[in-house]
N, C-alpha and C. Protein backbone atom coordinates (compact mmCIF):
# COMPACT_ATOMS: atom_id res chain seq x y z
N MET A 1 1.11 13.69 -18.30
CA MET A 1 2.07 12.96 -17.31
C MET A 1 2.20 13.41 -15.96
N ASN A 2 2.01 14.72 -15.74
CA ASN A 2 1.86 15.14 -14.27
C ASN A 2 0.59 14.59 -13.57
N ASN A 3 -0.62 14.44 -14.33
CA ASN A 3 -1.74 14.02 -13.82
C ASN A 3 -1.48 12.56 -13.52
N GLU A 4 -0.91 11.73 -14.37
CA GLU A 4 -0.65 10.36 -14.17
C GLU A 4 0.23 10.18 -13.02
N PHE A 5 1.21 10.99 -12.83
CA PHE A 5 2.21 10.91 -11.90
C PHE A 5 1.47 11.09 -10.41
N LEU A 6 0.55 12.13 -10.35
CA LEU A 6 0.01 12.40 -9.15
C LEU A 6 -1.02 11.45 -8.92
N SER A 7 -1.72 10.83 -9.87
CA SER A 7 -2.75 9.80 -9.79
C SER A 7 -1.98 8.48 -9.04
N ALA A 8 -0.79 8.21 -9.68
CA ALA A 8 -0.05 7.06 -9.18
C ALA A 8 0.39 7.27 -7.57
N VAL A 9 0.78 8.41 -7.43
CA VAL A 9 1.10 8.75 -5.82
C VAL A 9 -0.03 8.54 -4.86
N ILE A 10 -1.26 9.10 -5.52
CA ILE A 10 -2.36 9.09 -4.54
C ILE A 10 -2.80 7.61 -4.49
N LEU A 11 -2.76 6.78 -5.53
CA LEU A 11 -3.27 5.57 -5.49
C LEU A 11 -2.20 4.68 -4.59
N LEU A 12 -0.99 4.81 -4.75
CA LEU A 12 -0.08 4.17 -3.84
C LEU A 12 -0.15 4.48 -2.46
N THR A 13 -0.38 5.74 -2.27
CA THR A 13 -0.51 6.21 -0.82
C THR A 13 -1.60 5.59 -0.19
N LEU A 14 -2.71 5.38 -0.95
CA LEU A 14 -4.01 4.84 -0.38
C LEU A 14 -3.70 3.35 -0.10
N VAL A 15 -3.02 2.70 -0.97
CA VAL A 15 -2.80 1.31 -0.89
C VAL A 15 -1.80 1.08 0.28
N THR A 16 -0.78 1.81 0.32
CA THR A 16 0.13 1.53 1.44
C THR A 16 -0.55 2.15 2.83
N ASP A 17 -1.33 2.85 2.82
CA ASP A 17 -2.35 3.26 4.00
C ASP A 17 -1.47 3.77 5.26
N PRO A 18 -0.49 4.72 5.09
CA PRO A 18 0.29 5.06 6.29
C PRO A 18 -0.63 5.56 7.44
N PHE A 19 -1.71 6.27 7.16
CA PHE A 19 -2.67 6.74 8.32
C PHE A 19 -3.17 5.51 8.97
N GLY A 20 -3.69 4.66 8.22
CA GLY A 20 -4.38 3.55 8.81
C GLY A 20 -3.37 2.44 9.48
N ASN A 21 -2.19 2.40 9.04
CA ASN A 21 -1.18 1.72 9.80
C ASN A 21 -0.46 2.49 10.99
N MET A 22 -0.75 3.73 11.14
CA MET A 22 -0.03 4.41 12.27
C MET A 22 -0.39 3.88 13.57
N PRO A 23 -1.72 3.71 13.79
CA PRO A 23 -2.09 3.26 15.20
C PRO A 23 -1.33 1.90 15.59
N LEU A 24 -1.38 0.97 14.61
CA LEU A 24 -0.69 -0.30 14.76
C LEU A 24 0.81 -0.17 14.99
N VAL A 25 1.41 0.66 14.18
CA VAL A 25 2.83 0.90 14.34
C VAL A 25 3.15 1.52 15.95
N ASN A 26 2.49 2.57 16.00
CA ASN A 26 2.49 2.94 17.45
C ASN A 26 2.47 1.83 18.55
N ALA A 27 1.35 1.20 18.48
CA ALA A 27 1.19 0.06 19.36
C ALA A 27 2.37 -1.04 19.45
N MET A 28 2.91 -1.36 18.22
CA MET A 28 4.08 -2.32 18.16
C MET A 28 5.25 -1.83 18.69
N LEU A 29 5.48 -0.35 18.45
CA LEU A 29 6.65 0.22 18.90
C LEU A 29 6.42 0.93 20.25
N GLY A 30 5.37 0.70 21.04
CA GLY A 30 5.21 1.52 22.17
C GLY A 30 6.21 1.45 23.23
N SER A 31 6.87 0.32 23.32
CA SER A 31 7.86 -0.06 24.40
C SER A 31 9.27 0.46 23.96
N VAL A 32 9.39 0.78 22.58
CA VAL A 32 10.68 1.10 22.13
C VAL A 32 11.01 2.58 22.16
N THR A 33 12.39 2.82 22.46
CA THR A 33 12.82 4.20 22.67
C THR A 33 12.50 4.96 21.35
N GLU A 34 12.54 6.41 21.43
CA GLU A 34 12.44 7.19 20.20
C GLU A 34 13.45 6.92 19.13
N SER A 35 14.60 6.86 19.56
CA SER A 35 15.70 6.77 18.45
C SER A 35 15.55 5.38 17.97
N ARG A 36 15.20 4.38 18.67
CA ARG A 36 15.17 3.07 18.00
C ARG A 36 13.89 2.90 17.10
N ARG A 37 12.94 3.67 17.66
CA ARG A 37 11.53 3.61 16.83
C ARG A 37 11.87 4.25 15.42
N ARG A 38 12.54 5.45 15.42
CA ARG A 38 12.96 5.94 14.15
C ARG A 38 13.73 5.19 13.30
N PHE A 39 14.62 4.36 13.70
CA PHE A 39 15.53 3.52 13.11
C PHE A 39 14.73 2.33 12.43
N ILE A 40 13.74 1.81 13.30
CA ILE A 40 12.99 0.67 12.92
C ILE A 40 12.11 1.19 11.61
N VAL A 41 11.37 2.39 11.89
CA VAL A 41 10.48 2.83 10.90
C VAL A 41 11.23 3.07 9.51
N VAL A 42 12.36 3.79 9.53
CA VAL A 42 13.18 3.89 8.43
C VAL A 42 13.61 2.73 7.69
N ARG A 43 14.04 1.79 8.57
CA ARG A 43 14.56 0.46 8.10
C ARG A 43 13.42 -0.35 7.21
N GLU A 44 12.30 -0.36 8.05
CA GLU A 44 10.98 -1.17 7.45
C GLU A 44 10.50 -0.52 6.08
N CYS A 45 10.63 0.82 6.14
CA CYS A 45 10.14 1.52 4.90
C CYS A 45 11.17 1.38 3.75
N LEU A 46 12.41 1.35 4.09
CA LEU A 46 13.50 1.01 2.88
C LEU A 46 13.19 -0.46 2.34
N ILE A 47 12.79 -1.39 3.21
CA ILE A 47 12.76 -2.81 2.97
C ILE A 47 11.57 -2.87 2.01
N ALA A 48 10.29 -2.00 2.39
CA ALA A 48 9.08 -2.10 1.58
C ALA A 48 9.27 -1.47 0.36
N TYR A 49 10.25 -0.35 0.24
CA TYR A 49 10.55 0.41 -0.90
C TYR A 49 11.26 -0.52 -1.94
N GLY A 50 12.32 -1.30 -1.42
CA GLY A 50 12.96 -2.26 -2.22
C GLY A 50 12.05 -3.43 -2.81
N LEU A 51 11.22 -3.81 -2.01
CA LEU A 51 10.09 -4.85 -2.49
C LEU A 51 9.26 -4.25 -3.43
N LEU A 52 8.78 -3.14 -3.32
CA LEU A 52 7.85 -2.48 -4.49
C LEU A 52 8.62 -2.50 -5.69
N LEU A 53 9.99 -1.77 -5.59
CA LEU A 53 10.82 -1.64 -6.88
C LEU A 53 11.17 -3.12 -7.47
N VAL A 54 11.26 -4.01 -6.77
CA VAL A 54 11.76 -5.43 -7.32
C VAL A 54 10.52 -5.87 -8.05
N PHE A 55 9.23 -5.76 -7.49
CA PHE A 55 8.01 -6.26 -8.13
C PHE A 55 7.77 -5.42 -9.36
N MET A 56 7.97 -4.04 -9.30
CA MET A 56 7.84 -3.34 -10.52
C MET A 56 8.58 -3.65 -11.60
N PHE A 57 10.00 -3.67 -11.41
CA PHE A 57 10.93 -3.90 -12.49
C PHE A 57 10.86 -5.35 -12.92
N GLY A 58 10.60 -6.25 -11.85
CA GLY A 58 10.49 -7.84 -12.31
C GLY A 58 9.02 -8.33 -12.63
N GLY A 59 8.13 -7.39 -12.67
CA GLY A 59 6.72 -7.68 -12.88
C GLY A 59 6.37 -8.43 -14.22
N GLN A 60 7.13 -7.89 -15.24
CA GLN A 60 6.78 -8.46 -16.60
C GLN A 60 7.32 -9.90 -16.58
N SER A 61 8.57 -10.23 -16.22
CA SER A 61 9.21 -11.43 -16.18
C SER A 61 8.44 -12.35 -15.22
N PHE A 62 7.89 -11.91 -14.16
CA PHE A 62 7.14 -12.76 -13.29
C PHE A 62 5.83 -13.22 -13.84
N LEU A 63 5.19 -12.21 -14.54
CA LEU A 63 3.93 -12.63 -15.27
C LEU A 63 4.08 -13.60 -16.29
N ALA A 64 5.28 -13.42 -17.10
CA ALA A 64 5.52 -14.40 -18.19
C ALA A 64 5.83 -15.79 -17.64
N LEU A 65 6.64 -15.68 -16.47
CA LEU A 65 7.15 -17.14 -15.83
C LEU A 65 5.97 -17.88 -15.45
N MET A 66 5.00 -17.11 -14.73
CA MET A 66 3.83 -17.72 -14.20
C MET A 66 2.62 -17.80 -15.24
N HIS A 67 2.74 -17.41 -16.46
CA HIS A 67 1.80 -17.35 -17.58
C HIS A 67 0.48 -16.86 -17.04
N LEU A 68 0.63 -15.42 -16.62
CA LEU A 68 -0.32 -14.73 -16.12
C LEU A 68 -0.64 -13.48 -17.10
N SER A 69 -1.82 -13.27 -17.29
CA SER A 69 -2.12 -12.08 -18.11
C SER A 69 -2.23 -10.83 -17.34
N GLN A 70 -2.25 -9.64 -18.09
CA GLN A 70 -2.50 -8.44 -17.45
C GLN A 70 -3.98 -8.18 -16.93
N THR A 71 -4.83 -9.00 -17.66
CA THR A 71 -6.34 -8.99 -17.26
C THR A 71 -6.44 -9.70 -15.79
N SER A 72 -5.88 -10.82 -15.78
CA SER A 72 -6.04 -11.48 -14.48
C SER A 72 -5.46 -10.78 -13.37
N LEU A 73 -4.25 -10.05 -13.57
CA LEU A 73 -3.71 -9.34 -12.55
C LEU A 73 -4.57 -8.19 -12.20
N SER A 74 -5.12 -7.45 -13.18
CA SER A 74 -6.05 -6.44 -12.91
C SER A 74 -7.24 -6.82 -12.04
N ILE A 75 -7.83 -8.00 -12.24
CA ILE A 75 -8.87 -8.55 -11.63
C ILE A 75 -8.40 -8.81 -10.24
N ALA A 76 -7.46 -9.76 -10.17
CA ALA A 76 -6.87 -10.02 -8.88
C ALA A 76 -6.57 -8.91 -7.70
N GLY A 77 -5.78 -7.86 -8.52
CA GLY A 77 -5.46 -6.60 -7.80
C GLY A 77 -6.67 -5.93 -7.16
N GLY A 78 -7.64 -5.99 -8.12
CA GLY A 78 -9.03 -5.25 -7.73
C GLY A 78 -9.63 -6.01 -6.54
N VAL A 79 -9.71 -7.34 -6.56
CA VAL A 79 -10.29 -8.10 -5.50
C VAL A 79 -9.52 -7.77 -4.18
N ILE A 80 -8.19 -7.97 -4.36
CA ILE A 80 -7.50 -7.66 -3.21
C ILE A 80 -7.62 -6.34 -2.49
N LEU A 81 -7.61 -5.28 -3.43
CA LEU A 81 -7.92 -3.77 -3.01
C LEU A 81 -9.22 -3.72 -2.31
N PHE A 82 -10.12 -4.41 -2.99
CA PHE A 82 -11.50 -4.27 -2.56
C PHE A 82 -11.67 -4.68 -1.01
N MET A 83 -11.03 -6.01 -0.74
CA MET A 83 -11.11 -6.57 0.46
C MET A 83 -10.40 -5.82 1.63
N ILE A 84 -9.22 -5.28 1.23
CA ILE A 84 -8.51 -4.35 2.12
C ILE A 84 -9.27 -3.06 2.42
N ALA A 85 -9.97 -2.62 1.34
CA ALA A 85 -10.72 -1.31 1.45
C ALA A 85 -11.92 -1.49 2.39
N ILE A 86 -12.59 -2.72 2.35
CA ILE A 86 -13.68 -2.92 3.16
C ILE A 86 -13.31 -3.08 4.71
N ARG A 87 -12.00 -3.64 5.06
CA ARG A 87 -11.63 -3.56 6.28
C ARG A 87 -11.33 -2.34 6.80
N MET A 88 -10.86 -1.36 5.84
CA MET A 88 -10.50 -0.01 6.37
C MET A 88 -11.92 0.60 6.52
N VAL A 89 -12.83 0.42 5.73
CA VAL A 89 -14.06 1.18 6.06
C VAL A 89 -14.77 0.67 7.30
N PHE A 90 -14.75 -0.59 7.33
CA PHE A 90 -15.30 -1.15 8.65
C PHE A 90 -14.11 -1.75 9.63
N ALA A 91 -13.48 -0.73 10.20
CA ALA A 91 -12.21 -0.93 10.89
C ALA A 91 -12.32 -2.15 11.91
N LYS A 92 -11.22 -2.87 12.01
CA LYS A 92 -11.27 -3.92 13.04
C LYS A 92 -10.24 -3.41 14.30
N LEU A 93 -10.56 -3.82 15.40
CA LEU A 93 -9.80 -3.29 16.66
C LEU A 93 -8.30 -3.81 16.52
N ASP A 94 -8.19 -4.92 15.72
CA ASP A 94 -6.62 -5.42 15.56
C ASP A 94 -5.97 -4.78 14.46
N GLY A 95 -6.43 -3.87 13.74
CA GLY A 95 -5.87 -3.28 12.41
C GLY A 95 -6.26 -3.99 11.22
N THR A 96 -5.88 -3.28 10.22
CA THR A 96 -6.50 -3.56 8.87
C THR A 96 -6.06 -5.09 8.44
N PHE A 97 -4.81 -5.46 8.96
CA PHE A 97 -4.28 -6.95 8.55
C PHE A 97 -4.29 -7.82 9.70
N GLY A 98 -4.80 -7.30 10.90
CA GLY A 98 -4.94 -8.41 11.92
C GLY A 98 -3.51 -8.80 12.72
N GLU A 99 -2.79 -7.96 12.64
CA GLU A 99 -1.36 -8.25 13.43
C GLU A 99 -1.46 -8.15 14.95
N LYS A 100 -0.67 -8.67 15.69
CA LYS A 100 -0.71 -8.37 16.98
C LYS A 100 0.41 -7.42 17.46
N ALA A 101 0.22 -6.82 18.53
CA ALA A 101 1.12 -5.82 19.00
C ALA A 101 2.02 -6.34 19.98
N GLY A 102 3.13 -5.65 20.34
CA GLY A 102 3.84 -6.10 21.50
C GLY A 102 5.26 -6.61 21.10
N SER A 103 5.64 -6.85 19.85
CA SER A 103 6.89 -7.31 19.36
C SER A 103 7.55 -6.27 18.42
N GLU A 104 8.95 -6.43 18.34
CA GLU A 104 9.67 -5.58 17.50
C GLU A 104 9.60 -6.10 16.16
N PRO A 105 9.02 -5.28 15.06
CA PRO A 105 9.02 -6.00 13.79
C PRO A 105 10.22 -6.01 13.07
N PHE A 106 10.44 -7.09 12.15
CA PHE A 106 11.40 -7.14 11.20
C PHE A 106 10.89 -7.52 9.88
N ILE A 107 11.00 -6.94 8.78
CA ILE A 107 10.30 -7.16 7.60
C ILE A 107 8.74 -7.54 7.77
N VAL A 108 8.43 -8.51 8.60
CA VAL A 108 7.03 -8.86 8.82
C VAL A 108 6.74 -8.42 10.38
N PRO A 109 5.54 -7.76 10.46
CA PRO A 109 4.56 -7.40 9.54
C PRO A 109 4.76 -5.98 8.99
N LEU A 110 5.45 -5.31 9.38
CA LEU A 110 5.63 -3.72 9.00
C LEU A 110 5.82 -3.58 7.45
N ALA A 111 7.02 -4.06 7.07
CA ALA A 111 7.46 -3.76 5.81
C ALA A 111 6.63 -4.52 4.80
N THR A 112 6.28 -5.77 5.16
CA THR A 112 5.28 -6.46 4.46
C THR A 112 4.46 -7.40 5.44
N PRO A 113 3.15 -7.42 5.48
CA PRO A 113 2.22 -6.94 4.38
C PRO A 113 1.63 -5.45 4.79
N LEU A 114 2.05 -4.99 5.90
CA LEU A 114 1.54 -3.42 6.31
C LEU A 114 1.78 -2.42 5.13
N ILE A 115 2.88 -2.32 4.62
CA ILE A 115 3.27 -1.19 3.69
C ILE A 115 3.27 -1.86 2.32
N ALA A 116 4.23 -2.89 2.07
CA ALA A 116 4.06 -3.47 0.72
C ALA A 116 3.49 -4.73 0.84
N GLY A 117 2.18 -4.60 0.90
CA GLY A 117 1.28 -5.80 0.90
C GLY A 117 0.82 -6.41 -0.39
N PRO A 118 0.02 -7.20 -0.43
CA PRO A 118 -0.31 -7.86 -1.80
C PRO A 118 -0.99 -6.73 -2.79
N SER A 119 -1.78 -5.97 -2.10
CA SER A 119 -2.44 -5.03 -3.12
C SER A 119 -1.32 -4.03 -3.61
N ALA A 120 -0.32 -3.60 -2.89
CA ALA A 120 0.69 -2.62 -3.20
C ALA A 120 1.55 -3.33 -4.35
N LEU A 121 1.88 -4.47 -4.05
CA LEU A 121 2.84 -5.35 -5.04
C LEU A 121 2.05 -5.53 -6.27
N ALA A 122 0.62 -5.94 -6.31
CA ALA A 122 -0.06 -6.15 -7.44
C ALA A 122 -0.23 -4.75 -8.18
N THR A 123 -0.39 -3.72 -7.49
CA THR A 123 -0.59 -2.35 -8.06
C THR A 123 0.68 -1.91 -8.86
N VAL A 124 1.89 -2.05 -8.31
CA VAL A 124 2.97 -1.68 -9.04
C VAL A 124 3.35 -2.65 -10.30
N MET A 125 3.06 -3.85 -10.14
CA MET A 125 3.14 -4.66 -11.24
C MET A 125 2.25 -4.40 -12.47
N LEU A 126 1.06 -4.03 -11.93
CA LEU A 126 0.04 -3.78 -12.91
C LEU A 126 0.46 -2.35 -13.81
N MET A 127 0.82 -1.35 -13.00
CA MET A 127 1.35 -0.14 -13.44
C MET A 127 2.41 -0.36 -14.53
N ALA A 128 3.46 -1.16 -14.15
CA ALA A 128 4.56 -1.46 -15.02
C ALA A 128 4.26 -2.33 -16.23
N SER A 129 3.33 -3.29 -16.16
CA SER A 129 2.90 -4.12 -17.22
C SER A 129 1.87 -3.25 -18.21
N ARG A 130 1.19 -2.23 -17.62
CA ARG A 130 0.19 -1.48 -18.56
C ARG A 130 1.11 -0.56 -19.57
N ASP A 131 2.05 0.11 -18.73
CA ASP A 131 3.08 1.14 -19.56
C ASP A 131 4.35 1.04 -19.09
N PRO A 132 5.02 -0.02 -19.80
CA PRO A 132 6.45 -0.43 -19.54
C PRO A 132 7.36 0.84 -20.02
N GLY A 133 7.01 1.72 -20.80
CA GLY A 133 7.88 2.83 -21.12
C GLY A 133 7.85 3.86 -20.09
N MET A 134 6.86 3.84 -18.96
CA MET A 134 6.78 4.75 -18.09
C MET A 134 7.38 4.24 -16.57
N VAL A 135 8.24 3.30 -16.75
CA VAL A 135 8.72 2.73 -15.26
C VAL A 135 9.37 3.90 -14.59
N GLY A 136 10.10 4.79 -15.18
CA GLY A 136 10.84 5.67 -14.43
C GLY A 136 9.84 6.72 -13.71
N MET A 137 8.77 6.98 -14.41
CA MET A 137 7.82 7.71 -13.68
C MET A 137 7.16 6.91 -12.53
N TRP A 138 6.90 5.79 -12.76
CA TRP A 138 6.24 4.91 -11.79
C TRP A 138 7.36 4.66 -10.58
N ALA A 139 8.51 4.44 -10.88
CA ALA A 139 9.58 4.50 -9.73
C ALA A 139 9.61 5.76 -8.97
N ALA A 140 9.50 6.84 -9.67
CA ALA A 140 9.46 8.07 -8.99
C ALA A 140 8.15 8.35 -8.10
N ALA A 141 7.11 7.67 -8.58
CA ALA A 141 5.83 7.82 -7.79
C ALA A 141 5.90 7.03 -6.52
N ILE A 142 6.61 5.72 -6.62
CA ILE A 142 6.87 4.85 -5.52
C ILE A 142 7.81 5.61 -4.57
N THR A 143 8.77 6.36 -5.12
CA THR A 143 9.73 6.99 -4.17
C THR A 143 9.06 8.02 -3.40
N VAL A 144 8.28 8.85 -3.95
CA VAL A 144 7.43 9.93 -3.31
C VAL A 144 6.49 9.28 -2.42
N THR A 145 5.76 8.27 -2.75
CA THR A 145 4.77 7.63 -1.67
C THR A 145 5.61 7.17 -0.64
N MET A 146 6.75 6.42 -0.74
CA MET A 146 7.56 5.75 0.51
C MET A 146 8.03 7.09 1.24
N LEU A 147 8.29 8.22 0.69
CA LEU A 147 8.80 9.34 1.47
C LEU A 147 7.56 9.85 2.48
N ILE A 148 6.48 9.94 1.80
CA ILE A 148 5.14 10.32 2.54
C ILE A 148 5.02 9.42 3.64
N THR A 149 4.92 8.02 3.40
CA THR A 149 4.65 6.84 4.33
C THR A 149 5.77 7.06 5.52
N THR A 150 6.97 7.14 5.11
CA THR A 150 8.02 7.26 6.28
C THR A 150 7.79 8.44 7.09
N VAL A 151 7.49 9.62 6.55
CA VAL A 151 7.20 10.96 7.16
C VAL A 151 6.04 10.68 8.34
N VAL A 152 4.97 10.10 7.69
CA VAL A 152 3.72 9.89 8.37
C VAL A 152 4.04 8.96 9.61
N LEU A 153 4.66 7.91 9.37
CA LEU A 153 4.89 6.96 10.46
C LEU A 153 5.75 7.38 11.47
N LEU A 154 6.96 8.23 11.05
CA LEU A 154 7.86 8.63 11.94
C LEU A 154 7.20 9.64 12.86
N ALA A 155 6.20 10.58 12.33
CA ALA A 155 5.40 11.42 13.10
C ALA A 155 4.15 10.84 13.73
N GLY A 156 4.08 9.48 13.82
CA GLY A 156 3.04 8.83 14.20
C GLY A 156 2.50 9.04 15.62
N THR A 157 3.24 8.98 16.64
CA THR A 157 2.91 9.35 17.97
C THR A 157 2.32 10.77 18.06
N LYS A 158 2.97 11.78 17.53
CA LYS A 158 2.70 13.02 17.61
C LYS A 158 1.17 13.36 16.91
N LEU A 159 1.24 12.73 15.67
CA LEU A 159 -0.03 12.96 15.00
C LEU A 159 -1.28 12.22 15.64
N HIS A 160 -1.00 11.17 16.09
CA HIS A 160 -2.09 10.39 16.70
C HIS A 160 -2.49 11.27 17.98
N ARG A 161 -1.56 11.82 18.76
CA ARG A 161 -2.03 12.42 19.83
C ARG A 161 -2.80 13.83 19.56
N TRP A 162 -2.19 14.48 18.40
CA TRP A 162 -2.72 15.68 17.90
C TRP A 162 -4.08 15.69 17.38
N LEU A 163 -4.24 14.55 16.47
CA LEU A 163 -5.64 14.31 15.70
C LEU A 163 -6.67 13.80 16.63
N GLY A 164 -6.11 12.76 17.43
CA GLY A 164 -7.11 12.04 18.11
C GLY A 164 -7.47 10.79 17.64
N GLU A 165 -7.90 9.97 18.55
CA GLU A 165 -8.44 8.51 18.03
C GLU A 165 -9.47 8.68 16.95
N HIS A 166 -10.60 9.52 17.13
CA HIS A 166 -11.67 9.46 16.26
C HIS A 166 -11.29 10.04 14.82
N ALA A 167 -10.48 11.07 14.78
CA ALA A 167 -9.98 11.61 13.56
C ALA A 167 -9.17 10.53 12.73
N MET A 168 -8.34 9.71 13.57
CA MET A 168 -7.58 8.83 12.82
C MET A 168 -8.46 7.66 12.15
N HIS A 169 -9.50 7.26 12.89
CA HIS A 169 -10.54 6.38 12.33
C HIS A 169 -11.08 7.06 11.17
N ALA A 170 -11.64 8.25 11.22
CA ALA A 170 -12.29 8.93 10.13
C ALA A 170 -11.44 8.89 8.90
N ILE A 171 -10.01 9.36 9.03
CA ILE A 171 -9.11 9.41 7.97
C ILE A 171 -9.00 8.03 7.20
N GLU A 172 -8.83 6.87 8.07
CA GLU A 172 -8.63 5.56 7.48
C GLU A 172 -9.88 5.18 6.71
N ARG A 173 -11.18 5.46 7.27
CA ARG A 173 -12.41 5.29 6.59
C ARG A 173 -12.56 6.00 5.42
N LEU A 174 -12.18 7.06 5.24
CA LEU A 174 -12.33 8.00 4.13
C LEU A 174 -11.33 7.37 2.98
N MET A 175 -10.11 7.12 3.45
CA MET A 175 -9.08 6.40 2.48
C MET A 175 -9.62 5.00 2.02
N GLY A 176 -10.35 4.23 3.03
CA GLY A 176 -11.08 3.01 2.50
C GLY A 176 -12.05 3.10 1.39
N LEU A 177 -12.86 4.24 1.64
CA LEU A 177 -13.98 4.51 0.65
C LEU A 177 -13.40 4.83 -0.71
N ILE A 178 -12.36 5.63 -0.67
CA ILE A 178 -11.75 6.05 -2.01
C ILE A 178 -11.07 4.80 -2.61
N LEU A 179 -10.46 4.11 -1.78
CA LEU A 179 -9.72 2.89 -2.26
C LEU A 179 -10.77 1.77 -2.75
N THR A 180 -12.08 1.82 -2.31
CA THR A 180 -13.14 1.02 -2.81
C THR A 180 -13.50 1.32 -4.24
N ALA A 181 -13.62 2.64 -4.36
CA ALA A 181 -13.91 3.02 -5.78
C ALA A 181 -12.89 2.74 -6.80
N ILE A 182 -11.53 2.75 -6.46
CA ILE A 182 -10.34 2.44 -7.21
C ILE A 182 -10.33 0.87 -7.46
N ALA A 183 -10.80 0.11 -6.36
CA ALA A 183 -10.66 -1.40 -6.72
C ALA A 183 -11.87 -1.80 -7.64
N VAL A 184 -13.09 -1.15 -7.47
CA VAL A 184 -14.15 -1.53 -8.36
C VAL A 184 -13.75 -1.08 -9.99
N GLU A 185 -13.05 -0.03 -10.02
CA GLU A 185 -12.73 0.46 -11.36
C GLU A 185 -11.54 -0.46 -11.88
N MET A 186 -10.76 -1.09 -11.18
CA MET A 186 -9.78 -2.05 -11.56
C MET A 186 -10.45 -3.29 -12.00
N LEU A 187 -11.58 -3.70 -11.16
CA LEU A 187 -12.23 -4.87 -11.34
C LEU A 187 -12.95 -4.84 -12.75
N LEU A 188 -13.58 -3.80 -12.98
CA LEU A 188 -14.43 -3.34 -14.31
C LEU A 188 -13.46 -3.29 -15.47
N ALA A 189 -12.35 -2.65 -15.27
CA ALA A 189 -11.46 -2.70 -16.30
C ALA A 189 -10.87 -4.11 -16.80
N GLY A 190 -10.56 -4.90 -15.70
CA GLY A 190 -10.14 -6.23 -16.01
C GLY A 190 -11.24 -7.05 -16.71
N THR A 191 -12.51 -6.94 -16.19
CA THR A 191 -13.57 -7.67 -16.75
C THR A 191 -13.83 -7.13 -18.23
N ARG A 192 -13.74 -5.86 -18.60
CA ARG A 192 -13.82 -5.39 -19.84
C ARG A 192 -13.02 -6.07 -20.79
N GLU A 193 -11.65 -6.12 -20.48
CA GLU A 193 -10.64 -6.67 -21.12
C GLU A 193 -10.82 -8.29 -21.33
N PHE A 194 -11.34 -8.88 -20.33
CA PHE A 194 -11.57 -10.18 -20.51
C PHE A 194 -12.73 -10.59 -21.55
N VAL A 195 -13.87 -9.80 -21.33
CA VAL A 195 -15.13 -9.87 -22.28
C VAL A 195 -14.63 -9.53 -23.80
N LYS A 196 -13.65 -8.62 -24.05
CA LYS A 196 -13.23 -8.26 -25.16
C LYS A 196 -12.42 -9.50 -25.95
N GLY A 197 -11.74 -10.13 -24.96
CA GLY A 197 -10.98 -11.19 -25.53
C GLY A 197 -11.74 -12.64 -25.64
N LEU A 198 -12.94 -12.64 -25.44
CA LEU A 198 -13.78 -13.87 -25.60
C LEU A 198 -14.10 -13.97 -27.10
């Protein structure tokens, strides 16, 4: 259980990508006072946390309503993760999701899609649908992940200054590389289940 919990935290941290989002958050909140910046980061992280929990606990109902299988969700989640991972490895100047800097965010784009993006939402739904009896542990993993994300984003300016631009890009690309492997594994797992069902 501990290994599964740690794996879930690592996966969710990679998917929410706080280090990759940090430069964009710094740019978006560059003209905001420090106290206001802290408020915005905490608010957006709480909104993202709520979204992730809603999708995790309502995932089964959503799948049933849309007539979606766990296999299709696994493949779709793998595809989305793979696309985001590729953008992380081959970083764009405008950030992983292509947002513009210069405005104070509210829900979009910081809470979603930067933190609770399609890949994160698909991941928590997939976790809950695979092991419905372990939703308590998945919720704890989401909580720990969001605490990590909040701390990293709150310390964004200092970390960016301390680590430097090159180190930040290196961290994001490393996270992208690991996420690519996870995405491929999700795709392979979904494909195996699909082939078995034929």
